[in-house]
Every structure is written in C-alpha cells, then in structure tokens.
Full PDB file with SEQRES, HELIX, SHEET, SSBOND, CRYST1, ORIGX, SCALE, CONECT and MASTER records, all heavy atoms in Angstrom:
SEQRES   1 A   38  LEU ASN ILE ALA GLU ILE GLU LEU ALA VAL LEU SER ASN          
SEQRES   2 A   38  MET CYS LEU SER GLN ARG ILE PRO ASP THR GLU SER LEU          
SEQRES   3 A   38  ARG ARG GLU VAL GLU ALA ASN ILE LEU PRO ARG ASN              
HELIX    1 AA1 ASN A    2  LEU A   11  1                                  10    
HELIX    2 AA2 SER A   12  LEU A   16  3                                   5    
HELIX    3 AA3 THR A   23  ARG A   37  1                                  15    
CRYST1    1.000    1.000    1.000  90.00  90.00  90.00 P 1           1          
ORIGX1      1.000000  0.000000  0.000000        0.00000                         
ORIGX2      0.000000  1.000000  0.000000        0.00000                         
ORIGX3      0.000000  0.000000  1.000000        0.00000                         
SCALE1      1.000000  0.000000  0.000000        0.00000                         
SCALE2      0.000000  1.000000  0.000000        0.00000                         
SCALE3      0.000000  0.000000  1.000000        0.00000                         
ATOM      1  N   LEU A   1     -89.720 -51.978  45.139  1.00  0.00           N  
ATOM      2  CA  LEU A   1     -90.444 -53.224  45.327  1.00  0.00           C  
ATOM      3  C   LEU A   1     -91.024 -53.706  44.006  1.00  0.00           C  
ATOM      4  O   LEU A   1     -90.939 -54.887  43.678  1.00  0.00           O  
ATOM      5  CB  LEU A   1     -91.553 -53.040  46.361  1.00  0.00           C  
ATOM      6  CG  LEU A   1     -92.400 -54.268  46.667  1.00  0.00           C  
ATOM      7  CD1 LEU A   1     -91.518 -55.407  47.185  1.00  0.00           C  
ATOM      8  CD2 LEU A   1     -93.469 -53.938  47.681  1.00  0.00           C  
ATOM      9  N   ASN A   2     -91.592 -52.809  43.222  1.00  0.00           N  
ATOM     10  CA  ASN A   2     -92.151 -53.179  41.925  1.00  0.00           C  
ATOM     11  C   ASN A   2     -91.067 -53.726  41.005  1.00  0.00           C  
ATOM     12  O   ASN A   2     -91.276 -54.713  40.304  1.00  0.00           O  
ATOM     13  CB  ASN A   2     -92.841 -51.988  41.262  1.00  0.00           C  
ATOM     14  CG  ASN A   2     -94.125 -51.610  41.973  1.00  0.00           C  
ATOM     15  OD1 ASN A   2     -94.707 -52.412  42.678  1.00  0.00           O  
ATOM     16  ND2 ASN A   2     -94.528 -50.379  41.795  1.00  0.00           N  
ATOM     17  N   ILE A   3     -89.906 -53.087  40.988  1.00  0.00           N  
ATOM     18  CA  ILE A   3     -88.806 -53.546  40.154  1.00  0.00           C  
ATOM     19  C   ILE A   3     -88.340 -54.925  40.622  1.00  0.00           C  
ATOM     20  O   ILE A   3     -88.080 -55.814  39.806  1.00  0.00           O  
ATOM     21  CB  ILE A   3     -87.645 -52.524  40.141  1.00  0.00           C  
ATOM     22  CG1 ILE A   3     -88.114 -51.247  39.430  1.00  0.00           C  
ATOM     23  CG2 ILE A   3     -86.409 -53.090  39.468  1.00  0.00           C  
ATOM     24  CD1 ILE A   3     -87.157 -50.086  39.551  1.00  0.00           C  
ATOM     25  N   ALA A   4     -88.270 -55.125  41.923  1.00  0.00           N  
ATOM     26  CA  ALA A   4     -87.884 -56.431  42.455  1.00  0.00           C  
ATOM     27  C   ALA A   4     -88.891 -57.502  42.042  1.00  0.00           C  
ATOM     28  O   ALA A   4     -88.509 -58.618  41.659  1.00  0.00           O  
ATOM     29  CB  ALA A   4     -87.770 -56.368  43.970  1.00  0.00           C  
ATOM     30  N   GLU A   5     -90.177 -57.180  42.084  1.00  0.00           N  
ATOM     31  CA  GLU A   5     -91.208 -58.125  41.665  1.00  0.00           C  
ATOM     32  C   GLU A   5     -91.073 -58.459  40.187  1.00  0.00           C  
ATOM     33  O   GLU A   5     -91.223 -59.617  39.791  1.00  0.00           O  
ATOM     34  CB  GLU A   5     -92.596 -57.559  41.951  1.00  0.00           C  
ATOM     35  CG  GLU A   5     -92.926 -57.510  43.430  1.00  0.00           C  
ATOM     36  CD  GLU A   5     -94.230 -56.793  43.723  1.00  0.00           C  
ATOM     37  OE1 GLU A   5     -94.753 -56.080  42.834  1.00  0.00           O  
ATOM     38  OE2 GLU A   5     -94.727 -56.939  44.839  1.00  0.00           O  
ATOM     39  N   ILE A   6     -90.781 -57.458  39.373  1.00  0.00           N  
ATOM     40  CA  ILE A   6     -90.580 -57.670  37.938  1.00  0.00           C  
ATOM     41  C   ILE A   6     -89.393 -58.592  37.708  1.00  0.00           C  
ATOM     42  O   ILE A   6     -89.457 -59.539  36.917  1.00  0.00           O  
ATOM     43  CB  ILE A   6     -90.383 -56.325  37.208  1.00  0.00           C  
ATOM     44  CG1 ILE A   6     -91.693 -55.535  37.209  1.00  0.00           C  
ATOM     45  CG2 ILE A   6     -89.880 -56.545  35.784  1.00  0.00           C  
ATOM     46  CD1 ILE A   6     -91.536 -54.082  36.793  1.00  0.00           C  
ATOM     47  N   GLU A   7     -88.294 -58.336  38.398  1.00  0.00           N  
ATOM     48  CA  GLU A   7     -87.095 -59.152  38.232  1.00  0.00           C  
ATOM     49  C   GLU A   7     -87.335 -60.592  38.673  1.00  0.00           C  
ATOM     50  O   GLU A   7     -86.857 -61.530  38.035  1.00  0.00           O  
ATOM     51  CB  GLU A   7     -85.909 -58.545  38.981  1.00  0.00           C  
ATOM     52  CG  GLU A   7     -85.394 -57.272  38.353  1.00  0.00           C  
ATOM     53  CD  GLU A   7     -84.906 -57.468  36.920  1.00  0.00           C  
ATOM     54  OE1 GLU A   7     -84.256 -58.492  36.619  1.00  0.00           O  
ATOM     55  OE2 GLU A   7     -85.184 -56.595  36.099  1.00  0.00           O  
ATOM     56  N   LEU A   8     -88.069 -60.779  39.764  1.00  0.00           N  
ATOM     57  CA  LEU A   8     -88.378 -62.141  40.208  1.00  0.00           C  
ATOM     58  C   LEU A   8     -89.265 -62.858  39.190  1.00  0.00           C  
ATOM     59  O   LEU A   8     -89.090 -64.059  38.957  1.00  0.00           O  
ATOM     60  CB  LEU A   8     -89.055 -62.119  41.579  1.00  0.00           C  
ATOM     61  CG  LEU A   8     -88.117 -61.842  42.748  1.00  0.00           C  
ATOM     62  CD1 LEU A   8     -88.913 -61.644  44.033  1.00  0.00           C  
ATOM     63  CD2 LEU A   8     -87.108 -62.958  42.915  1.00  0.00           C  
ATOM     64  N   ALA A   9     -90.192 -62.150  38.583  1.00  0.00           N  
ATOM     65  CA  ALA A   9     -91.041 -62.755  37.558  1.00  0.00           C  
ATOM     66  C   ALA A   9     -90.213 -63.169  36.347  1.00  0.00           C  
ATOM     67  O   ALA A   9     -90.406 -64.256  35.792  1.00  0.00           O  
ATOM     68  CB  ALA A   9     -92.142 -61.778  37.146  1.00  0.00           C  
ATOM     69  N   VAL A  10     -89.283 -62.309  35.940  1.00  0.00           N  
ATOM     70  CA  VAL A  10     -88.404 -62.638  34.810  1.00  0.00           C  
ATOM     71  C   VAL A  10     -87.566 -63.858  35.150  1.00  0.00           C  
ATOM     72  O   VAL A  10     -87.448 -64.797  34.353  1.00  0.00           O  
ATOM     73  CB  VAL A  10     -87.507 -61.429  34.433  1.00  0.00           C  
ATOM     74  CG1 VAL A  10     -86.423 -61.842  33.456  1.00  0.00           C  
ATOM     75  CG2 VAL A  10     -88.348 -60.304  33.854  1.00  0.00           C  
ATOM     76  N   LEU A  11     -86.969 -63.861  36.322  1.00  0.00           N  
ATOM     77  CA  LEU A  11     -86.144 -64.989  36.754  1.00  0.00           C  
ATOM     78  C   LEU A  11     -86.973 -66.274  36.792  1.00  0.00           C  
ATOM     79  O   LEU A  11     -86.522 -67.330  36.351  1.00  0.00           O  
ATOM     80  CB  LEU A  11     -85.539 -64.703  38.127  1.00  0.00           C  
ATOM     81  CG  LEU A  11     -84.633 -65.781  38.687  1.00  0.00           C  
ATOM     82  CD1 LEU A  11     -83.391 -65.942  37.814  1.00  0.00           C  
ATOM     83  CD2 LEU A  11     -84.233 -65.435  40.106  1.00  0.00           C  
ATOM     84  N   SER A  12     -88.180 -66.173  37.285  1.00  0.00           N  
ATOM     85  CA  SER A  12     -89.057 -67.331  37.349  1.00  0.00           C  
ATOM     86  C   SER A  12     -89.325 -67.894  35.961  1.00  0.00           C  
ATOM     87  O   SER A  12     -89.278 -69.109  35.747  1.00  0.00           O  
ATOM     88  CB  SER A  12     -90.368 -66.936  38.018  1.00  0.00           C  
ATOM     89  OG  SER A  12     -91.225 -68.043  38.079  1.00  0.00           O  
ATOM     90  N   ASN A  13     -89.568 -67.016  35.001  1.00  0.00           N  
ATOM     91  CA  ASN A  13     -89.813 -67.457  33.631  1.00  0.00           C  
ATOM     92  C   ASN A  13     -88.561 -68.042  32.981  1.00  0.00           C  
ATOM     93  O   ASN A  13     -88.650 -68.944  32.146  1.00  0.00           O  
ATOM     94  CB  ASN A  13     -90.351 -66.316  32.777  1.00  0.00           C  
ATOM     95  CG  ASN A  13     -91.761 -65.949  33.143  1.00  0.00           C  
ATOM     96  OD1 ASN A  13     -92.514 -66.769  33.632  1.00  0.00           O  
ATOM     97  ND2 ASN A  13     -92.127 -64.707  32.930  1.00  0.00           N  
ATOM     98  N   MET A  14     -87.401 -67.523  33.350  1.00  0.00           N  
ATOM     99  CA  MET A  14     -86.162 -67.969  32.719  1.00  0.00           C  
ATOM    100  C   MET A  14     -85.677 -69.311  33.255  1.00  0.00           C  
ATOM    101  O   MET A  14     -85.220 -70.147  32.491  1.00  0.00           O  
ATOM    102  CB  MET A  14     -85.073 -66.917  32.904  1.00  0.00           C  
ATOM    103  CG  MET A  14     -85.337 -65.634  32.149  1.00  0.00           C  
ATOM    104  SD  MET A  14     -84.157 -64.361  32.565  1.00  0.00           S  
ATOM    105  CE  MET A  14     -82.866 -64.697  31.397  1.00  0.00           C  
ATOM    106  N   CYS A  15     -85.718 -69.497  34.562  1.00  0.00           N  
ATOM    107  CA  CYS A  15     -85.109 -70.726  35.087  1.00  0.00           C  
ATOM    108  C   CYS A  15     -85.847 -71.390  36.234  1.00  0.00           C  
ATOM    109  O   CYS A  15     -85.563 -72.539  36.542  1.00  0.00           O  
ATOM    110  CB  CYS A  15     -83.666 -70.459  35.499  1.00  0.00           C  
ATOM    111  SG  CYS A  15     -83.491 -69.466  36.982  1.00  0.00           S  
ATOM    112  N   LEU A  16     -86.769 -70.728  36.858  1.00  0.00           N  
ATOM    113  CA  LEU A  16     -87.402 -71.322  38.028  1.00  0.00           C  
ATOM    114  C   LEU A  16     -88.665 -72.110  37.701  1.00  0.00           C  
ATOM    115  O   LEU A  16     -89.329 -72.614  38.589  1.00  0.00           O  
ATOM    116  CB  LEU A  16     -87.712 -70.244  39.069  1.00  0.00           C  
ATOM    117  CG  LEU A  16     -86.496 -69.509  39.619  1.00  0.00           C  
ATOM    118  CD1 LEU A  16     -86.928 -68.493  40.662  1.00  0.00           C  
ATOM    119  CD2 LEU A  16     -85.477 -70.475  40.191  1.00  0.00           C  
ATOM    120  N   SER A  17     -88.989 -72.228  36.420  1.00  0.00           N  
ATOM    121  CA  SER A  17     -90.174 -72.988  36.040  1.00  0.00           C  
ATOM    122  C   SER A  17     -89.897 -74.493  36.048  1.00  0.00           C  
ATOM    123  O   SER A  17     -90.803 -75.288  35.907  1.00  0.00           O  
ATOM    124  CB  SER A  17     -90.644 -72.551  34.661  1.00  0.00           C  
ATOM    125  OG  SER A  17     -89.604 -72.739  33.723  1.00  0.00           O  
ATOM    126  N   GLN A  18     -88.638 -74.848  36.227  1.00  0.00           N  
ATOM    127  CA  GLN A  18     -88.265 -76.262  36.286  1.00  0.00           C  
ATOM    128  C   GLN A  18     -87.949 -76.667  37.726  1.00  0.00           C  
ATOM    129  O   GLN A  18     -87.720 -75.818  38.576  1.00  0.00           O  
ATOM    130  CB  GLN A  18     -87.047 -76.502  35.408  1.00  0.00           C  
ATOM    131  CG  GLN A  18     -85.834 -75.698  35.850  1.00  0.00           C  
ATOM    132  CD  GLN A  18     -84.689 -75.805  34.886  1.00  0.00           C  
ATOM    133  OE1 GLN A  18     -84.570 -76.798  34.211  1.00  0.00           O  
ATOM    134  NE2 GLN A  18     -83.854 -74.786  34.822  1.00  0.00           N  
ATOM    135  N   ARG A  19     -87.924 -77.927  37.961  1.00  0.00           N  
ATOM    136  CA  ARG A  19     -87.578 -78.422  39.302  1.00  0.00           C  
ATOM    137  C   ARG A  19     -86.062 -78.389  39.446  1.00  0.00           C  
ATOM    138  O   ARG A  19     -85.339 -78.902  38.609  1.00  0.00           O  
ATOM    139  CB  ARG A  19     -88.102 -79.836  39.478  1.00  0.00           C  
ATOM    140  CG  ARG A  19     -87.970 -80.325  40.868  1.00  0.00           C  
ATOM    141  CD  ARG A  19     -89.117 -81.276  41.161  1.00  0.00           C  
ATOM    142  NE  ARG A  19     -89.012 -81.819  42.485  1.00  0.00           N  
ATOM    143  CZ  ARG A  19     -89.560 -81.267  43.548  1.00  0.00           C  
ATOM    144  NH1 ARG A  19     -90.257 -80.170  43.427  1.00  0.00           N  
ATOM    145  NH2 ARG A  19     -89.432 -81.817  44.731  1.00  0.00           N  
ATOM    146  N   ILE A  20     -85.587 -77.777  40.530  1.00  0.00           N  
ATOM    147  CA  ILE A  20     -84.153 -77.657  40.782  1.00  0.00           C  
ATOM    148  C   ILE A  20     -83.834 -78.500  42.015  1.00  0.00           C  
ATOM    149  O   ILE A  20     -84.396 -78.278  43.084  1.00  0.00           O  
ATOM    150  CB  ILE A  20     -83.746 -76.186  40.950  1.00  0.00           C  
ATOM    151  CG1 ILE A  20     -84.076 -75.440  39.658  1.00  0.00           C  
ATOM    152  CG2 ILE A  20     -82.278 -76.058  41.300  1.00  0.00           C  
ATOM    153  CD1 ILE A  20     -83.855 -73.970  39.676  1.00  0.00           C  
ATOM    154  N   PRO A  21     -82.913 -79.458  41.873  1.00  0.00           N  
ATOM    155  CA  PRO A  21     -82.715 -80.471  42.915  1.00  0.00           C  
ATOM    156  C   PRO A  21     -82.078 -80.003  44.218  1.00  0.00           C  
ATOM    157  O   PRO A  21     -82.385 -80.547  45.281  1.00  0.00           O  
ATOM    158  CB  PRO A  21     -81.823 -81.512  42.234  1.00  0.00           C  
ATOM    159  CG  PRO A  21     -81.122 -80.775  41.155  1.00  0.00           C  
ATOM    160  CD  PRO A  21     -82.062 -79.705  40.715  1.00  0.00           C  
ATOM    161  N   ASP A  22     -81.193 -79.001  44.169  1.00  0.00           N  
ATOM    162  CA  ASP A  22     -80.508 -78.613  45.396  1.00  0.00           C  
ATOM    163  C   ASP A  22     -80.128 -77.138  45.362  1.00  0.00           C  
ATOM    164  O   ASP A  22     -80.260 -76.467  44.349  1.00  0.00           O  
ATOM    165  CB  ASP A  22     -79.265 -79.477  45.649  1.00  0.00           C  
ATOM    166  CG  ASP A  22     -78.306 -79.464  44.477  1.00  0.00           C  
ATOM    167  OD1 ASP A  22     -78.058 -78.384  43.917  1.00  0.00           O  
ATOM    168  OD2 ASP A  22     -77.800 -80.554  44.127  1.00  0.00           O  
ATOM    169  N   THR A  23     -79.669 -76.655  46.494  1.00  0.00           N  
ATOM    170  CA  THR A  23     -79.339 -75.236  46.650  1.00  0.00           C  
ATOM    171  C   THR A  23     -78.223 -74.800  45.704  1.00  0.00           C  
ATOM    172  O   THR A  23     -78.291 -73.729  45.109  1.00  0.00           O  
ATOM    173  CB  THR A  23     -78.927 -74.939  48.105  1.00  0.00           C  
ATOM    174  OG1 THR A  23     -79.955 -75.406  48.964  1.00  0.00           O  
ATOM    175  CG2 THR A  23     -78.725 -73.459  48.325  1.00  0.00           C  
ATOM    176  N   GLU A  24     -77.215 -75.623  45.557  1.00  0.00           N  
ATOM    177  CA  GLU A  24     -76.088 -75.258  44.687  1.00  0.00           C  
ATOM    178  C   GLU A  24     -76.523 -75.165  43.224  1.00  0.00           C  
ATOM    179  O   GLU A  24     -76.117 -74.253  42.501  1.00  0.00           O  
ATOM    180  CB  GLU A  24     -74.941 -76.265  44.845  1.00  0.00           C  
ATOM    181  CG  GLU A  24     -73.651 -75.813  44.196  1.00  0.00           C  
ATOM    182  CD  GLU A  24     -73.197 -74.416  44.623  1.00  0.00           C  
ATOM    183  OE1 GLU A  24     -73.297 -74.089  45.826  1.00  0.00           O  
ATOM    184  OE2 GLU A  24     -72.746 -73.641  43.754  1.00  0.00           O  
ATOM    185  N   SER A  25     -77.372 -76.059  42.787  1.00  0.00           N  
ATOM    186  CA  SER A  25     -77.901 -75.993  41.416  1.00  0.00           C  
ATOM    187  C   SER A  25     -78.743 -74.733  41.232  1.00  0.00           C  
ATOM    188  O   SER A  25     -78.665 -74.080  40.188  1.00  0.00           O  
ATOM    189  CB  SER A  25     -78.755 -77.221  41.108  1.00  0.00           C  
ATOM    190  OG  SER A  25     -77.981 -78.379  41.166  1.00  0.00           O  
ATOM    191  N   LEU A  26     -79.534 -74.407  42.225  1.00  0.00           N  
ATOM    192  CA  LEU A  26     -80.339 -73.183  42.184  1.00  0.00           C  
ATOM    193  C   LEU A  26     -79.435 -71.969  42.065  1.00  0.00           C  
ATOM    194  O   LEU A  26     -79.665 -71.088  41.237  1.00  0.00           O  
ATOM    195  CB  LEU A  26     -81.209 -73.072  43.431  1.00  0.00           C  
ATOM    196  CG  LEU A  26     -81.989 -71.771  43.590  1.00  0.00           C  
ATOM    197  CD1 LEU A  26     -82.990 -71.599  42.463  1.00  0.00           C  
ATOM    198  CD2 LEU A  26     -82.673 -71.731  44.943  1.00  0.00           C  
ATOM    199  N   ARG A  27     -78.384 -71.928  42.873  1.00  0.00           N  
ATOM    200  CA  ARG A  27     -77.443 -70.803  42.838  1.00  0.00           C  
ATOM    201  C   ARG A  27     -76.821 -70.665  41.444  1.00  0.00           C  
ATOM    202  O   ARG A  27     -76.729 -69.570  40.902  1.00  0.00           O  
ATOM    203  CB  ARG A  27     -76.363 -71.002  43.905  1.00  0.00           C  
ATOM    204  CG  ARG A  27     -75.486 -69.797  44.123  1.00  0.00           C  
ATOM    205  CD  ARG A  27     -74.574 -69.957  45.326  1.00  0.00           C  
ATOM    206  NE  ARG A  27     -75.374 -69.809  46.546  1.00  0.00           N  
ATOM    207  CZ  ARG A  27     -75.508 -70.733  47.489  1.00  0.00           C  
ATOM    208  NH1 ARG A  27     -74.887 -71.884  47.402  1.00  0.00           N  
ATOM    209  NH2 ARG A  27     -76.252 -70.514  48.554  1.00  0.00           N  
ATOM    210  N   ARG A  28     -76.406 -71.781  40.847  1.00  0.00           N  
ATOM    211  CA  ARG A  28     -75.811 -71.741  39.501  1.00  0.00           C  
ATOM    212  C   ARG A  28     -76.814 -71.251  38.460  1.00  0.00           C  
ATOM    213  O   ARG A  28     -76.481 -70.441  37.596  1.00  0.00           O  
ATOM    214  CB  ARG A  28     -75.278 -73.125  39.117  1.00  0.00           C  
ATOM    215  CG  ARG A  28     -73.944 -73.460  39.749  1.00  0.00           C  
ATOM    216  CD  ARG A  28     -73.306 -74.676  39.082  1.00  0.00           C  
ATOM    217  NE  ARG A  28     -74.213 -75.822  39.000  1.00  0.00           N  
ATOM    218  CZ  ARG A  28     -74.318 -76.772  39.930  1.00  0.00           C  
ATOM    219  NH1 ARG A  28     -73.579 -76.728  41.012  1.00  0.00           N  
ATOM    220  NH2 ARG A  28     -75.167 -77.780  39.762  1.00  0.00           N  
ATOM    221  N   GLU A  29     -78.048 -71.744  38.528  1.00  0.00           N  
ATOM    222  CA  GLU A  29     -79.091 -71.325  37.577  1.00  0.00           C  
ATOM    223  C   GLU A  29     -79.361 -69.828  37.677  1.00  0.00           C  
ATOM    224  O   GLU A  29     -79.466 -69.132  36.674  1.00  0.00           O  
ATOM    225  CB  GLU A  29     -80.396 -72.094  37.837  1.00  0.00           C  
ATOM    226  CG  GLU A  29     -80.382 -73.498  37.372  1.00  0.00           C  
ATOM    227  CD  GLU A  29     -80.467 -73.619  35.865  1.00  0.00           C  
ATOM    228  OE1 GLU A  29     -81.056 -72.743  35.203  1.00  0.00           O  
ATOM    229  OE2 GLU A  29     -79.927 -74.598  35.347  1.00  0.00           O  
ATOM    230  N   VAL A  30     -79.506 -69.349  38.902  1.00  0.00           N  
ATOM    231  CA  VAL A  30     -79.794 -67.929  39.116  1.00  0.00           C  
ATOM    232  C   VAL A  30     -78.634 -67.077  38.609  1.00  0.00           C  
ATOM    233  O   VAL A  30     -78.841 -66.098  37.888  1.00  0.00           O  
ATOM    234  CB  VAL A  30     -80.101 -67.654  40.606  1.00  0.00           C  
ATOM    235  CG1 VAL A  30     -80.153 -66.164  40.889  1.00  0.00           C  
ATOM    236  CG2 VAL A  30     -81.417 -68.312  40.997  1.00  0.00           C  
ATOM    237  N   GLU A  31     -77.408 -67.445  38.969  1.00  0.00           N  
ATOM    238  CA  GLU A  31     -76.231 -66.681  38.511  1.00  0.00           C  
ATOM    239  C   GLU A  31     -76.140 -66.660  36.991  1.00  0.00           C  
ATOM    240  O   GLU A  31     -75.856 -65.631  36.398  1.00  0.00           O  
ATOM    241  CB  GLU A  31     -74.943 -67.267  39.102  1.00  0.00           C  
ATOM    242  CG  GLU A  31     -74.736 -66.943  40.559  1.00  0.00           C  
ATOM    243  CD  GLU A  31     -74.508 -65.460  40.811  1.00  0.00           C  
ATOM    244  OE1 GLU A  31     -73.809 -64.816  40.008  1.00  0.00           O  
ATOM    245  OE2 GLU A  31     -75.045 -64.966  41.807  1.00  0.00           O  
ATOM    246  N   ALA A  32     -76.386 -67.793  36.361  1.00  0.00           N  
ATOM    247  CA  ALA A  32     -76.296 -67.878  34.902  1.00  0.00           C  
ATOM    248  C   ALA A  32     -77.314 -66.971  34.223  1.00  0.00           C  
ATOM    249  O   ALA A  32     -77.076 -66.469  33.124  1.00  0.00           O  
ATOM    250  CB  ALA A  32     -76.499 -69.324  34.452  1.00  0.00           C  
ATOM    251  N   ASN A  33     -78.438 -66.724  34.873  1.00  0.00           N  
ATOM    252  CA  ASN A  33     -79.469 -65.879  34.279  1.00  0.00           C  
ATOM    253  C   ASN A  33     -79.353 -64.420  34.698  1.00  0.00           C  
ATOM    254  O   ASN A  33     -79.725 -63.527  33.943  1.00  0.00           O  
ATOM    255  CB  ASN A  33     -80.848 -66.417  34.643  1.00  0.00           C  
ATOM    256  CG  ASN A  33     -81.186 -67.643  33.849  1.00  0.00           C  
ATOM    257  OD1 ASN A  33     -81.545 -67.556  32.696  1.00  0.00           O  
ATOM    258  ND2 ASN A  33     -81.022 -68.808  34.460  1.00  0.00           N  
ATOM    259  N   ILE A  34     -78.832 -64.169  35.886  1.00  0.00           N  
ATOM    260  CA  ILE A  34     -78.754 -62.797  36.388  1.00  0.00           C  
ATOM    261  C   ILE A  34     -77.591 -62.020  35.752  1.00  0.00           C  
ATOM    262  O   ILE A  34     -77.746 -60.859  35.404  1.00  0.00           O  
ATOM    263  CB  ILE A  34     -78.632 -62.785  37.921  1.00  0.00           C  
ATOM    264  CG1 ILE A  34     -79.978 -63.137  38.519  1.00  0.00           C  
ATOM    265  CG2 ILE A  34     -78.172 -61.440  38.436  1.00  0.00           C  
ATOM    266  CD1 ILE A  34     -79.982 -63.180  40.022  1.00  0.00           C  
ATOM    267  N   LEU A  35     -76.444 -62.648  35.615  1.00  0.00           N  
ATOM    268  CA  LEU A  35     -75.273 -61.930  35.107  1.00  0.00           C  
ATOM    269  C   LEU A  35     -75.515 -61.283  33.738  1.00  0.00           C  
ATOM    270  O   LEU A  35     -75.277 -60.083  33.582  1.00  0.00           O  
ATOM    271  CB  LEU A  35     -74.048 -62.848  35.097  1.00  0.00           C  
ATOM    272  CG  LEU A  35     -73.526 -63.221  36.485  1.00  0.00           C  
ATOM    273  CD1 LEU A  35     -72.396 -64.233  36.366  1.00  0.00           C  
ATOM    274  CD2 LEU A  35     -73.084 -62.005  37.256  1.00  0.00           C  
ATOM    275  N   PRO A  36     -76.013 -62.019  32.739  1.00  0.00           N  
ATOM    276  CA  PRO A  36     -76.270 -61.358  31.442  1.00  0.00           C  
ATOM    277  C   PRO A  36     -77.337 -60.265  31.546  1.00  0.00           C  
ATOM    278  O   PRO A  36     -77.247 -59.228  30.896  1.00  0.00           O  
ATOM    279  CB  PRO A  36     -76.754 -62.486  30.545  1.00  0.00           C  
ATOM    280  CG  PRO A  36     -76.406 -63.745  31.230  1.00  0.00           C  
ATOM    281  CD  PRO A  36     -76.273 -63.433  32.685  1.00  0.00           C  
ATOM    282  N   ARG A  37     -78.342 -60.502  32.385  1.00  0.00           N  
ATOM    283  CA  ARG A  37     -79.416 -59.504  32.543  1.00  0.00           C  
ATOM    284  C   ARG A  37     -78.885 -58.227  33.185  1.00  0.00           C  
ATOM    285  O   ARG A  37     -79.239 -57.123  32.774  1.00  0.00           O  
ATOM    286  CB  ARG A  37     -80.531 -60.108  33.400  1.00  0.00           C  
ATOM    287  CG  ARG A  37     -81.756 -59.267  33.401  1.00  0.00           C  
ATOM    288  CD  ARG A  37     -82.968 -60.099  33.649  1.00  0.00           C  
ATOM    289  NE  ARG A  37     -84.095 -59.250  33.892  1.00  0.00           N  
ATOM    290  CZ  ARG A  37     -84.793 -58.654  32.949  1.00  0.00           C  
ATOM    291  NH1 ARG A  37     -84.480 -58.834  31.696  1.00  0.00           N  
ATOM    292  NH2 ARG A  37     -85.807 -57.883  33.244  1.00  0.00           N  
ATOM    293  N   ASN A  38     -78.029 -58.354  34.194  1.00  0.00           N  
ATOM    294  CA  ASN A  38     -77.437 -57.176  34.830  1.00  0.00           C  
ATOM    295  C   ASN A  38     -76.507 -56.445  33.877  1.00  0.00           C  
ATOM    296  O   ASN A  38     -76.449 -55.217  33.876  1.00  0.00           O  
ATOM    297  CB  ASN A  38     -76.686 -57.567  36.096  1.00  0.00           C  
ATOM    298  CG  ASN A  38     -77.621 -57.895  37.233  1.00  0.00           C  
ATOM    299  OD1 ASN A  38     -78.806 -57.596  37.199  1.00  0.00           O  
ATOM    300  ND2 ASN A  38     -77.088 -58.543  38.252  1.00  0.00           N  
TER     301      ASN A  38                                                      
MASTER        0    0    0    3    0    0    0    6  300    1    0    3          
END                                                                             
C-alpha cells in the first residue's frame, strides 16, 4: 500500500497536475509516464 501511494504521488507530480479532458487522454498520459518508470 505504501509503495502504491508513492507511485500515485509520483504519477500525480508527473502528469496529473494538469487538467486532462477525457479518459483516453488520461490513459495516454499515464502510459507515457508509467512505461519508462517501470
């Protein structure tokens, strides 16, 4: 749970601090940030 919270905080800082218009854009943003991190 702690690791998941850390990862969500990182993701939030990387791409979720901006307004994302739709689900598909959100999915693309998350994928673009998660793949290099993983």
